[in-house]
Amino acid sequence: LKSSNPHYKPMLIPYGEVLAVGVVD
């Protein structure tokens, strides 16, 4: 999970711990 603000580090989350809600259109 990557932010586009450089102040936030990417987060590597194991499969199964993240629930996809949807795509930002």
mmCIF file of all heavy atoms, coordinates in Angstrom:
data_MODEL
# 
_entry.id   MODEL 
# 
loop_
_atom_site.group_PDB 
_atom_site.id 
_atom_site.type_symbol 
_atom_site.label_atom_id 
_atom_site.label_alt_id 
_atom_site.label_comp_id 
_atom_site.label_asym_id 
_atom_site.label_entity_id 
_atom_site.label_seq_id 
_atom_site.pdbx_PDB_ins_code 
_atom_site.Cartn_x 
_atom_site.Cartn_y 
_atom_site.Cartn_z 
_atom_site.occupancy 
_atom_site.B_iso_or_equiv 
_atom_site.pdbx_formal_charge 
_atom_site.auth_seq_id 
_atom_site.auth_comp_id 
_atom_site.auth_asym_id 
_atom_site.auth_atom_id 
_atom_site.pdbx_PDB_model_num 
ATOM 1   N N   . LEU A 1 1  ? 0.862   -1.175  0.000   1.00 0.00 ? 1  LEU A N   1 
ATOM 2   C CA  . LEU A 1 1  ? 0.000   0.000   0.000   1.00 0.00 ? 1  LEU A CA  1 
ATOM 3   C C   . LEU A 1 1  ? 0.899   1.226   0.000   1.00 0.00 ? 1  LEU A C   1 
ATOM 4   O O   . LEU A 1 1  ? 1.667   1.444   0.939   1.00 0.00 ? 1  LEU A O   1 
ATOM 5   C CB  . LEU A 1 1  ? -0.898  0.003   1.235   1.00 0.00 ? 1  LEU A CB  1 
ATOM 6   C CG  . LEU A 1 1  ? -1.760  -1.234  1.471   1.00 0.00 ? 1  LEU A CG  1 
ATOM 7   C CD1 . LEU A 1 1  ? -2.545  -1.100  2.773   1.00 0.00 ? 1  LEU A CD1 1 
ATOM 8   C CD2 . LEU A 1 1  ? -2.699  -1.459  0.300   1.00 0.00 ? 1  LEU A CD2 1 
ATOM 9   N N   . LYS A 1 2  ? 0.807   2.018   -1.076  1.00 0.00 ? 2  LYS A N   1 
ATOM 10  C CA  . LYS A 1 2  ? 1.718   3.144   -1.239  1.00 0.00 ? 2  LYS A CA  1 
ATOM 11  C C   . LYS A 1 2  ? 0.966   4.470   -1.237  1.00 0.00 ? 2  LYS A C   1 
ATOM 12  O O   . LYS A 1 2  ? -0.035  4.621   -1.918  1.00 0.00 ? 2  LYS A O   1 
ATOM 13  C CB  . LYS A 1 2  ? 2.503   3.008   -2.543  1.00 0.00 ? 2  LYS A CB  1 
ATOM 14  C CG  . LYS A 1 2  ? 3.385   1.777   -2.585  1.00 0.00 ? 2  LYS A CG  1 
ATOM 15  C CD  . LYS A 1 2  ? 4.268   1.755   -3.797  1.00 0.00 ? 2  LYS A CD  1 
ATOM 16  C CE  . LYS A 1 2  ? 3.504   1.212   -4.983  1.00 0.00 ? 2  LYS A CE  1 
ATOM 17  N NZ  . LYS A 1 2  ? 4.345   1.049   -6.173  1.00 0.00 ? 2  LYS A NZ  1 
ATOM 18  N N   . SER A 1 3  ? 1.483   5.408   -0.480  1.00 0.00 ? 3  SER A N   1 
ATOM 19  C CA  . SER A 1 3  ? 0.973   6.780   -0.461  1.00 0.00 ? 3  SER A CA  1 
ATOM 20  C C   . SER A 1 3  ? 1.704   7.578   -1.531  1.00 0.00 ? 3  SER A C   1 
ATOM 21  O O   . SER A 1 3  ? 2.828   7.249   -1.900  1.00 0.00 ? 3  SER A O   1 
ATOM 22  C CB  . SER A 1 3  ? 1.232   7.421   0.903   1.00 0.00 ? 3  SER A CB  1 
ATOM 23  O OG  . SER A 1 3  ? 0.579   6.705   1.921   1.00 0.00 ? 3  SER A OG  1 
ATOM 24  N N   . SER A 1 4  ? 1.082   8.664   -1.990  1.00 0.00 ? 4  SER A N   1 
ATOM 25  C CA  . SER A 1 4  ? 1.782   9.545   -2.932  1.00 0.00 ? 4  SER A CA  1 
ATOM 26  C C   . SER A 1 4  ? 2.374   10.755  -2.222  1.00 0.00 ? 4  SER A C   1 
ATOM 27  O O   . SER A 1 4  ? 2.978   11.611  -2.853  1.00 0.00 ? 4  SER A O   1 
ATOM 28  C CB  . SER A 1 4  ? 0.838   9.976   -4.058  1.00 0.00 ? 4  SER A CB  1 
ATOM 29  O OG  . SER A 1 4  ? -0.260  10.689  -3.547  1.00 0.00 ? 4  SER A OG  1 
ATOM 30  N N   . ASN A 1 5  ? 2.222   10.811  -0.911  1.00 0.00 ? 5  ASN A N   1 
ATOM 31  C CA  . ASN A 1 5  ? 2.856   11.828  -0.089  1.00 0.00 ? 5  ASN A CA  1 
ATOM 32  C C   . ASN A 1 5  ? 4.139   11.202  0.462   1.00 0.00 ? 5  ASN A C   1 
ATOM 33  O O   . ASN A 1 5  ? 4.084   10.180  1.157   1.00 0.00 ? 5  ASN A O   1 
ATOM 34  C CB  . ASN A 1 5  ? 1.920   12.235  1.056   1.00 0.00 ? 5  ASN A CB  1 
ATOM 35  C CG  . ASN A 1 5  ? 2.496   13.298  1.961   1.00 0.00 ? 5  ASN A CG  1 
ATOM 36  O OD1 . ASN A 1 5  ? 3.695   13.504  2.018   1.00 0.00 ? 5  ASN A OD1 1 
ATOM 37  N ND2 . ASN A 1 5  ? 1.617   13.982  2.687   1.00 0.00 ? 5  ASN A ND2 1 
ATOM 38  N N   . PRO A 1 6  ? 5.317   11.783  0.159   1.00 0.00 ? 6  PRO A N   1 
ATOM 39  C CA  . PRO A 1 6  ? 6.581   11.168  0.588   1.00 0.00 ? 6  PRO A CA  1 
ATOM 40  C C   . PRO A 1 6  ? 6.760   11.081  2.104   1.00 0.00 ? 6  PRO A C   1 
ATOM 41  O O   . PRO A 1 6  ? 7.664   10.398  2.571   1.00 0.00 ? 6  PRO A O   1 
ATOM 42  C CB  . PRO A 1 6  ? 7.649   12.059  -0.048  1.00 0.00 ? 6  PRO A CB  1 
ATOM 43  C CG  . PRO A 1 6  ? 6.971   13.340  -0.362  1.00 0.00 ? 6  PRO A CG  1 
ATOM 44  C CD  . PRO A 1 6  ? 5.516   13.027  -0.588  1.00 0.00 ? 6  PRO A CD  1 
ATOM 45  N N   . HIS A 1 7  ? 5.914   11.733  2.876   1.00 0.00 ? 7  HIS A N   1 
ATOM 46  C CA  . HIS A 1 7  ? 6.017   11.654  4.336   1.00 0.00 ? 7  HIS A CA  1 
ATOM 47  C C   . HIS A 1 7  ? 5.513   10.322  4.894   1.00 0.00 ? 7  HIS A C   1 
ATOM 48  O O   . HIS A 1 7  ? 5.678   10.047  6.080   1.00 0.00 ? 7  HIS A O   1 
ATOM 49  C CB  . HIS A 1 7  ? 5.259   12.809  4.990   1.00 0.00 ? 7  HIS A CB  1 
ATOM 50  C CG  . HIS A 1 7  ? 5.927   14.125  4.769   1.00 0.00 ? 7  HIS A CG  1 
ATOM 51  N ND1 . HIS A 1 7  ? 5.457   15.049  3.876   1.00 0.00 ? 7  HIS A ND1 1 
ATOM 52  C CD2 . HIS A 1 7  ? 7.046   14.651  5.311   1.00 0.00 ? 7  HIS A CD2 1 
ATOM 53  C CE1 . HIS A 1 7  ? 6.256   16.091  3.883   1.00 0.00 ? 7  HIS A CE1 1 
ATOM 54  N NE2 . HIS A 1 7  ? 7.226   15.884  4.743   1.00 0.00 ? 7  HIS A NE2 1 
ATOM 55  N N   . TYR A 1 8  ? 4.868   9.510   4.042   1.00 0.00 ? 8  TYR A N   1 
ATOM 56  C CA  . TYR A 1 8  ? 4.332   8.225   4.490   1.00 0.00 ? 8  TYR A CA  1 
ATOM 57  C C   . TYR A 1 8  ? 5.066   7.098   3.793   1.00 0.00 ? 8  TYR A C   1 
ATOM 58  O O   . TYR A 1 8  ? 5.198   7.089   2.563   1.00 0.00 ? 8  TYR A O   1 
ATOM 59  C CB  . TYR A 1 8  ? 2.830   8.130   4.177   1.00 0.00 ? 8  TYR A CB  1 
ATOM 60  C CG  . TYR A 1 8  ? 2.006   9.167   4.879   1.00 0.00 ? 8  TYR A CG  1 
ATOM 61  C CD1 . TYR A 1 8  ? 1.732   10.392  4.274   1.00 0.00 ? 8  TYR A CD1 1 
ATOM 62  C CD2 . TYR A 1 8  ? 1.493   8.930   6.148   1.00 0.00 ? 8  TYR A CD2 1 
ATOM 63  C CE1 . TYR A 1 8  ? 0.976   11.355  4.913   1.00 0.00 ? 8  TYR A CE1 1 
ATOM 64  C CE2 . TYR A 1 8  ? 0.727   9.891   6.796   1.00 0.00 ? 8  TYR A CE2 1 
ATOM 65  C CZ  . TYR A 1 8  ? 0.480   11.097  6.170   1.00 0.00 ? 8  TYR A CZ  1 
ATOM 66  O OH  . TYR A 1 8  ? -0.272  12.049  6.809   1.00 0.00 ? 8  TYR A OH  1 
ATOM 67  N N   . LYS A 1 9  ? 5.538   6.138   4.579   1.00 0.00 ? 9  LYS A N   1 
ATOM 68  C CA  . LYS A 1 9  ? 6.250   4.984   4.022   1.00 0.00 ? 9  LYS A CA  1 
ATOM 69  C C   . LYS A 1 9  ? 5.257   3.948   3.503   1.00 0.00 ? 9  LYS A C   1 
ATOM 70  O O   . LYS A 1 9  ? 4.158   3.809   4.047   1.00 0.00 ? 9  LYS A O   1 
ATOM 71  C CB  . LYS A 1 9  ? 7.131   4.345   5.093   1.00 0.00 ? 9  LYS A CB  1 
ATOM 72  C CG  . LYS A 1 9  ? 8.262   5.227   5.524   1.00 0.00 ? 9  LYS A CG  1 
ATOM 73  C CD  . LYS A 1 9  ? 9.133   4.526   6.536   1.00 0.00 ? 9  LYS A CD  1 
ATOM 74  C CE  . LYS A 1 9  ? 10.273  5.446   6.941   1.00 0.00 ? 9  LYS A CE  1 
ATOM 75  N NZ  . LYS A 1 9  ? 11.172  4.807   7.878   1.00 0.00 ? 9  LYS A NZ  1 
ATOM 76  N N   . PRO A 1 10 ? 5.646   3.191   2.462   1.00 0.00 ? 10 PRO A N   1 
ATOM 77  C CA  . PRO A 1 10 ? 4.789   2.102   1.980   1.00 0.00 ? 10 PRO A CA  1 
ATOM 78  C C   . PRO A 1 10 ? 4.586   1.063   3.086   1.00 0.00 ? 10 PRO A C   1 
ATOM 79  O O   . PRO A 1 10 ? 5.439   0.883   3.954   1.00 0.00 ? 10 PRO A O   1 
ATOM 80  C CB  . PRO A 1 10 ? 5.582   1.497   0.824   1.00 0.00 ? 10 PRO A CB  1 
ATOM 81  C CG  . PRO A 1 10 ? 6.565   2.552   0.437   1.00 0.00 ? 10 PRO A CG  1 
ATOM 82  C CD  . PRO A 1 10 ? 6.862   3.332   1.682   1.00 0.00 ? 10 PRO A CD  1 
ATOM 83  N N   . MET A 1 11 ? 3.437   0.398   3.043   1.00 0.00 ? 11 MET A N   1 
ATOM 84  C CA  . MET A 1 11 ? 3.127   -0.648  4.019   1.00 0.00 ? 11 MET A CA  1 
ATOM 85  C C   . MET A 1 11 ? 2.956   -1.962  3.270   1.00 0.00 ? 11 MET A C   1 
ATOM 86  O O   . MET A 1 11 ? 2.137   -2.040  2.354   1.00 0.00 ? 11 MET A O   1 
ATOM 87  C CB  . MET A 1 11 ? 1.816   -0.324  4.748   1.00 0.00 ? 11 MET A CB  1 
ATOM 88  C CG  . MET A 1 11 ? 1.849   0.945   5.546   1.00 0.00 ? 11 MET A CG  1 
ATOM 89  S SD  . MET A 1 11 ? 0.266   1.259   6.408   1.00 0.00 ? 11 MET A SD  1 
ATOM 90  C CE  . MET A 1 11 ? -0.777  1.682   5.040   1.00 0.00 ? 11 MET A CE  1 
ATOM 91  N N   . LEU A 1 12 ? 3.722   -2.967  3.661   1.00 0.00 ? 12 LEU A N   1 
ATOM 92  C CA  . LEU A 1 12 ? 3.577   -4.304  3.086   1.00 0.00 ? 12 LEU A CA  1 
ATOM 93  C C   . LEU A 1 12 ? 2.671   -5.102  4.020   1.00 0.00 ? 12 LEU A C   1 
ATOM 94  O O   . LEU A 1 12 ? 3.017   -5.355  5.170   1.00 0.00 ? 12 LEU A O   1 
ATOM 95  C CB  . LEU A 1 12 ? 4.932   -4.993  2.935   1.00 0.00 ? 12 LEU A CB  1 
ATOM 96  C CG  . LEU A 1 12 ? 4.895   -6.375  2.315   1.00 0.00 ? 12 LEU A CG  1 
ATOM 97  C CD1 . LEU A 1 12 ? 4.304   -6.343  0.903   1.00 0.00 ? 12 LEU A CD1 1 
ATOM 98  C CD2 . LEU A 1 12 ? 6.291   -6.977  2.291   1.00 0.00 ? 12 LEU A CD2 1 
ATOM 99  N N   . ILE A 1 13 ? 1.506   -5.486  3.497   1.00 0.00 ? 13 ILE A N   1 
ATOM 100 C CA  . ILE A 1 13 ? 0.498   -6.174  4.294   1.00 0.00 ? 13 ILE A CA  1 
ATOM 101 C C   . ILE A 1 13 ? 0.313   -7.586  3.744   1.00 0.00 ? 13 ILE A C   1 
ATOM 102 O O   . ILE A 1 13 ? 0.128   -7.758  2.534   1.00 0.00 ? 13 ILE A O   1 
ATOM 103 C CB  . ILE A 1 13 ? -0.849  -5.420  4.246   1.00 0.00 ? 13 ILE A CB  1 
ATOM 104 C CG1 . ILE A 1 13 ? -0.669  -3.930  4.588   1.00 0.00 ? 13 ILE A CG1 1 
ATOM 105 C CG2 . ILE A 1 13 ? -1.865  -6.085  5.146   1.00 0.00 ? 13 ILE A CG2 1 
ATOM 106 C CD1 . ILE A 1 13 ? -0.135  -3.647  5.963   1.00 0.00 ? 13 ILE A CD1 1 
ATOM 107 N N   . PRO A 1 14 ? 0.363   -8.612  4.585   1.00 0.00 ? 14 PRO A N   1 
ATOM 108 C CA  . PRO A 1 14 ? 0.155   -9.982  4.104   1.00 0.00 ? 14 PRO A CA  1 
ATOM 109 C C   . PRO A 1 14 ? -1.205  -10.139 3.422   1.00 0.00 ? 14 PRO A C   1 
ATOM 110 O O   . PRO A 1 14 ? -2.185  -9.494  3.814   1.00 0.00 ? 14 PRO A O   1 
ATOM 111 C CB  . PRO A 1 14 ? 0.222   -10.836 5.376   1.00 0.00 ? 14 PRO A CB  1 
ATOM 112 C CG  . PRO A 1 14 ? 0.983   -10.005 6.359   1.00 0.00 ? 14 PRO A CG  1 
ATOM 113 C CD  . PRO A 1 14 ? 0.638   -8.581  6.031   1.00 0.00 ? 14 PRO A CD  1 
ATOM 114 N N   . TYR A 1 15 ? -1.212  -10.981 2.395   1.00 0.00 ? 15 TYR A N   1 
ATOM 115 C CA  . TYR A 1 15 ? -2.479  -11.279 1.720   1.00 0.00 ? 15 TYR A CA  1 
ATOM 116 C C   . TYR A 1 15 ? -3.490  -11.778 2.747   1.00 0.00 ? 15 TYR A C   1 
ATOM 117 O O   . TYR A 1 15 ? -3.152  -12.472 3.688   1.00 0.00 ? 15 TYR A O   1 
ATOM 118 C CB  . TYR A 1 15 ? -2.267  -12.341 0.635   1.00 0.00 ? 15 TYR A CB  1 
ATOM 119 C CG  . TYR A 1 15 ? -1.528  -11.802 -0.568  1.00 0.00 ? 15 TYR A CG  1 
ATOM 120 C CD1 . TYR A 1 15 ? -0.196  -12.121 -0.784  1.00 0.00 ? 15 TYR A CD1 1 
ATOM 121 C CD2 . TYR A 1 15 ? -2.171  -10.959 -1.470  1.00 0.00 ? 15 TYR A CD2 1 
ATOM 122 C CE1 . TYR A 1 15 ? 0.485   -11.622 -1.884  1.00 0.00 ? 15 TYR A CE1 1 
ATOM 123 C CE2 . TYR A 1 15 ? -1.488  -10.457 -2.574  1.00 0.00 ? 15 TYR A CE2 1 
ATOM 124 C CZ  . TYR A 1 15 ? -0.171  -10.787 -2.771  1.00 0.00 ? 15 TYR A CZ  1 
ATOM 125 O OH  . TYR A 1 15 ? 0.501   -10.276 -3.855  1.00 0.00 ? 15 TYR A OH  1 
ATOM 126 N N   . GLY A 1 16 ? -4.725  -11.386 2.586   1.00 0.00 ? 16 GLY A N   1 
ATOM 127 C CA  . GLY A 1 16 ? -5.787  -11.811 3.492   1.00 0.00 ? 16 GLY A CA  1 
ATOM 128 C C   . GLY A 1 16 ? -6.061  -10.830 4.614   1.00 0.00 ? 16 GLY A C   1 
ATOM 129 O O   . GLY A 1 16 ? -7.091  -10.926 5.274   1.00 0.00 ? 16 GLY A O   1 
ATOM 130 N N   . GLU A 1 17 ? -5.151  -9.879  4.854   1.00 0.00 ? 17 GLU A N   1 
ATOM 131 C CA  . GLU A 1 17 ? -5.358  -8.902  5.930   1.00 0.00 ? 17 GLU A CA  1 
ATOM 132 C C   . GLU A 1 17 ? -5.933  -7.585  5.421   1.00 0.00 ? 17 GLU A C   1 
ATOM 133 O O   . GLU A 1 17 ? -6.317  -6.731  6.210   1.00 0.00 ? 17 GLU A O   1 
ATOM 134 C CB  . GLU A 1 17 ? -4.051  -8.642  6.673   1.00 0.00 ? 17 GLU A CB  1 
ATOM 135 C CG  . GLU A 1 17 ? -3.591  -9.848  7.480   1.00 0.00 ? 17 GLU A CG  1 
ATOM 136 C CD  . GLU A 1 17 ? -2.384  -9.557  8.340   1.00 0.00 ? 17 GLU A CD  1 
ATOM 137 O OE1 . GLU A 1 17 ? -2.119  -8.371  8.641   1.00 0.00 ? 17 GLU A OE1 1 
ATOM 138 O OE2 . GLU A 1 17 ? -1.705  -10.519 8.713   1.00 0.00 ? 17 GLU A OE2 1 
ATOM 139 N N   . VAL A 1 18 ? -5.981  -7.428  4.094   1.00 0.00 ? 18 VAL A N   1 
ATOM 140 C CA  . VAL A 1 18 ? -6.503  -6.210  3.482   1.00 0.00 ? 18 VAL A CA  1 
ATOM 141 C C   . VAL A 1 18 ? -7.775  -6.561  2.734   1.00 0.00 ? 18 VAL A C   1 
ATOM 142 O O   . VAL A 1 18 ? -7.820  -7.539  1.994   1.00 0.00 ? 18 VAL A O   1 
ATOM 143 C CB  . VAL A 1 18 ? -5.483  -5.603  2.489   1.00 0.00 ? 18 VAL A CB  1 
ATOM 144 C CG1 . VAL A 1 18 ? -6.062  -4.386  1.796   1.00 0.00 ? 18 VAL A CG1 1 
ATOM 145 C CG2 . VAL A 1 18 ? -4.194  -5.257  3.184   1.00 0.00 ? 18 VAL A CG2 1 
ATOM 146 N N   . LEU A 1 19 ? -8.809  -5.768  2.937   1.00 0.00 ? 19 LEU A N   1 
ATOM 147 C CA  . LEU A 1 19 ? -10.066 -5.954  2.231   1.00 0.00 ? 19 LEU A CA  1 
ATOM 148 C C   . LEU A 1 19 ? -10.210 -4.844  1.199   1.00 0.00 ? 19 LEU A C   1 
ATOM 149 O O   . LEU A 1 19 ? -10.196 -3.657  1.549   1.00 0.00 ? 19 LEU A O   1 
ATOM 150 C CB  . LEU A 1 19 ? -11.247 -5.901  3.207   1.00 0.00 ? 19 LEU A CB  1 
ATOM 151 C CG  . LEU A 1 19 ? -12.640 -5.936  2.599   1.00 0.00 ? 19 LEU A CG  1 
ATOM 152 C CD1 . LEU A 1 19 ? -12.882 -7.278  1.918   1.00 0.00 ? 19 LEU A CD1 1 
ATOM 153 C CD2 . LEU A 1 19 ? -13.683 -5.672  3.663   1.00 0.00 ? 19 LEU A CD2 1 
ATOM 154 N N   . ALA A 1 20 ? -10.327 -5.218  -0.069  1.00 0.00 ? 20 ALA A N   1 
ATOM 155 C CA  . ALA A 1 20 ? -10.529 -4.230  -1.130  1.00 0.00 ? 20 ALA A CA  1 
ATOM 156 C C   . ALA A 1 20 ? -11.974 -3.759  -1.102  1.00 0.00 ? 20 ALA A C   1 
ATOM 157 O O   . ALA A 1 20 ? -12.895 -4.563  -1.098  1.00 0.00 ? 20 ALA A O   1 
ATOM 158 C CB  . ALA A 1 20 ? -10.197 -4.837  -2.482  1.00 0.00 ? 20 ALA A CB  1 
ATOM 159 N N   . VAL A 1 21 ? -12.164 -2.446  -1.073  1.00 0.00 ? 21 VAL A N   1 
ATOM 160 C CA  . VAL A 1 21 ? -13.498 -1.861  -1.152  1.00 0.00 ? 21 VAL A CA  1 
ATOM 161 C C   . VAL A 1 21 ? -13.795 -1.510  -2.603  1.00 0.00 ? 21 VAL A C   1 
ATOM 162 O O   . VAL A 1 21 ? -14.844 -1.832  -3.138  1.00 0.00 ? 21 VAL A O   1 
ATOM 163 C CB  . VAL A 1 21 ? -13.625 -0.612  -0.258  1.00 0.00 ? 21 VAL A CB  1 
ATOM 164 C CG1 . VAL A 1 21 ? -14.989 0.051   -0.432  1.00 0.00 ? 21 VAL A CG1 1 
ATOM 165 C CG2 . VAL A 1 21 ? -13.389 -0.992  1.201   1.00 0.00 ? 21 VAL A CG2 1 
ATOM 166 N N   . GLY A 1 22 ? -12.840 -0.843  -3.263  1.00 0.00 ? 22 GLY A N   1 
ATOM 167 C CA  . GLY A 1 22 ? -13.038 -0.485  -4.655  1.00 0.00 ? 22 GLY A CA  1 
ATOM 168 C C   . GLY A 1 22 ? -11.944 0.412   -5.185  1.00 0.00 ? 22 GLY A C   1 
ATOM 169 O O   . GLY A 1 22 ? -11.000 0.756   -4.487  1.00 0.00 ? 22 GLY A O   1 
ATOM 170 N N   . VAL A 1 23 ? -12.115 0.785   -6.455  1.00 0.00 ? 23 VAL A N   1 
ATOM 171 C CA  . VAL A 1 23 ? -11.154 1.620   -7.168  1.00 0.00 ? 23 VAL A CA  1 
ATOM 172 C C   . VAL A 1 23 ? -11.648 3.066   -7.156  1.00 0.00 ? 23 VAL A C   1 
ATOM 173 O O   . VAL A 1 23 ? -12.831 3.326   -7.392  1.00 0.00 ? 23 VAL A O   1 
ATOM 174 C CB  . VAL A 1 23 ? -10.999 1.135   -8.624  1.00 0.00 ? 23 VAL A CB  1 
ATOM 175 C CG1 . VAL A 1 23 ? -10.111 2.068   -9.429  1.00 0.00 ? 23 VAL A CG1 1 
ATOM 176 C CG2 . VAL A 1 23 ? -10.447 -0.277  -8.651  1.00 0.00 ? 23 VAL A CG2 1 
ATOM 177 N N   . VAL A 1 24 ? -10.731 3.991   -6.892  1.00 0.00 ? 24 VAL A N   1 
ATOM 178 C CA  . VAL A 1 24 ? -11.072 5.409   -6.928  1.00 0.00 ? 24 VAL A CA  1 
ATOM 179 C C   . VAL A 1 24 ? -11.181 5.821   -8.398  1.00 0.00 ? 24 VAL A C   1 
ATOM 180 O O   . VAL A 1 24 ? -10.200 5.797   -9.133  1.00 0.00 ? 24 VAL A O   1 
ATOM 181 C CB  . VAL A 1 24 ? -10.024 6.268   -6.188  1.00 0.00 ? 24 VAL A CB  1 
ATOM 182 C CG1 . VAL A 1 24 ? -10.344 7.745   -6.320  1.00 0.00 ? 24 VAL A CG1 1 
ATOM 183 C CG2 . VAL A 1 24 ? -9.946  5.854   -4.722  1.00 0.00 ? 24 VAL A CG2 1 
ATOM 184 N N   . ASP A 1 25 ? -12.400 6.177   -8.820  1.00 0.00 ? 25 ASP A N   1 
ATOM 185 C CA  . ASP A 1 25 ? -12.636 6.583   -10.212 1.00 0.00 ? 25 ASP A CA  1 
ATOM 186 C C   . ASP A 1 25 ? -12.496 8.084   -10.407 1.00 0.00 ? 25 ASP A C   1 
ATOM 187 O O   . ASP A 1 25 ? -12.035 8.531   -11.448 1.00 0.00 ? 25 ASP A O   1 
ATOM 188 C CB  . ASP A 1 25 ? -14.028 6.147   -10.669 1.00 0.00 ? 25 ASP A CB  1 
ATOM 189 C CG  . ASP A 1 25 ? -14.059 4.734   -11.222 1.00 0.00 ? 25 ASP A CG  1 
ATOM 190 O OD1 . ASP A 1 25 ? -13.012 4.082   -11.281 1.00 0.00 ? 25 ASP A OD1 1 
ATOM 191 O OD2 . ASP A 1 25 ? -15.152 4.292   -11.604 1.00 0.00 ? 25 ASP A OD2 1 
# 
